[in-house]
Amino acid sequence: MNGLVLGGNMDIDASIEIWNFFSRYNINGLISNVSSLSIDQNFQNRSLINILDLNGKITSSDENKPLFYLYSDGSIEKKIIIK
């Protein structure tokens, strides 16, 4: 056999890859390295705008699936509520 032979499991977990990609961005674009102190101060002045599912549809707070919480300051929180 004259080809590249790869060993091991080549499967990926798409949900983890999607999560890793989107967690680097907020509504304004790529998130720069911001200290946690400035992030905590901004949380006090924000309000929830919408909750979105992975397809970008507005939804309510559901259990056992990843959701994106959009806030008035442009920040996005990625949450999974497991019960």
Protein backbone atom coordinates (compact mmCIF):
# COMPACT_ATOMS: atom_id res chain seq x y z
CA MET A 1 0.00 0.00 0.00
CA ASN A 2 1.63 3.24 -1.16
CA GLY A 3 -0.35 5.85 0.67
CA LEU A 4 -0.62 7.73 3.89
CA VAL A 5 -1.84 5.46 6.64
CA LEU A 6 -3.31 7.15 9.67
CA GLY A 7 -3.83 5.22 12.83
CA GLY A 8 -6.27 5.77 15.61
CA ASN A 9 -9.74 7.20 15.73
CA MET A 10 -10.17 10.09 13.26
CA ASP A 11 -13.60 11.13 14.56
CA ILE A 12 -14.11 14.63 15.92
CA ASP A 13 -16.77 15.95 18.24
CA ALA A 14 -18.37 18.64 16.09
CA SER A 15 -20.19 20.29 18.99
CA ILE A 16 -16.89 20.82 20.83
CA GLU A 17 -15.25 22.24 17.70
CA ILE A 18 -18.18 24.62 17.12
CA TRP A 19 -18.09 25.67 20.79
CA ASN A 20 -14.33 26.33 20.63
CA PHE A 21 -14.78 28.48 17.52
CA PHE A 22 -17.70 30.61 18.74
CA SER A 23 -16.29 31.09 22.23
CA ARG A 24 -13.55 33.28 20.71
CA TYR A 25 -16.09 35.87 19.47
CA ASN A 26 -18.72 38.22 20.79
CA ILE A 27 -21.22 40.36 18.88
CA ASN A 28 -18.44 42.84 18.04
CA GLY A 29 -16.01 40.26 16.61
CA LEU A 30 -12.93 38.50 17.91
CA ILE A 31 -12.48 38.85 21.66
CA SER A 32 -9.10 40.23 22.62
CA ASN A 33 -7.31 39.16 25.78
CA VAL A 34 -9.23 41.12 28.40
CA SER A 35 -8.56 40.84 32.10
CA SER A 36 -11.25 39.22 34.22
CA LEU A 37 -11.51 42.37 36.35
CA SER A 38 -12.76 44.52 33.46
CA ILE A 39 -15.15 41.77 32.37
CA ASP A 40 -16.66 41.54 35.87
CA GLN A 41 -17.18 45.31 35.97
CA ASN A 42 -19.02 45.26 32.62
CA PHE A 43 -21.40 42.50 33.78
CA GLN A 44 -23.00 44.89 36.25
CA ASN A 45 -24.18 47.25 33.47
CA ARG A 46 -25.73 44.76 31.06
CA SER A 47 -29.12 43.21 30.45
CA LEU A 48 -30.15 40.06 28.62
CA ILE A 49 -31.37 40.66 25.06
CA ASN A 50 -31.99 37.14 23.70
CA ILE A 51 -31.22 33.47 24.18
CA LEU A 52 -30.23 31.66 20.97
CA ASP A 53 -29.80 27.97 20.15
CA LEU A 54 -27.01 26.61 17.94
CA ASN A 55 -29.07 27.41 14.83
CA GLY A 56 -29.39 31.07 15.83
CA LYS A 57 -33.09 30.80 16.65
CA ILE A 58 -34.48 32.63 19.66
CA THR A 59 -35.38 30.13 22.36
CA SER A 60 -36.10 29.90 26.05
CA SER A 61 -33.71 28.56 28.65
CA ASP A 62 -33.68 24.81 27.95
CA GLU A 63 -31.85 22.06 29.75
CA ASN A 64 -29.15 19.80 28.32
CA LYS A 65 -28.34 21.78 25.18
CA PRO A 66 -25.87 24.57 24.41
CA LEU A 67 -27.32 28.08 24.31
CA PHE A 68 -25.94 31.55 23.59
CA TYR A 69 -27.03 34.37 25.91
CA LEU A 70 -26.77 37.77 24.14
CA TYR A 71 -26.37 40.85 26.35
CA SER A 72 -26.82 44.59 25.79
CA ASP A 73 -23.08 45.28 26.12
CA GLY A 74 -22.32 43.03 23.14
CA SER A 75 -21.11 40.11 25.22
CA ILE A 76 -22.22 36.53 24.69
CA GLU A 77 -22.25 33.78 27.29
CA LYS A 78 -22.23 30.18 26.18
CA LYS A 79 -24.14 27.98 28.62
CA ILE A 80 -25.24 24.40 28.99
CA ILE A 81 -27.61 23.80 31.89
CA ILE A 82 -27.41 20.15 32.83
CA LYS A 83 -30.08 18.63 35.08
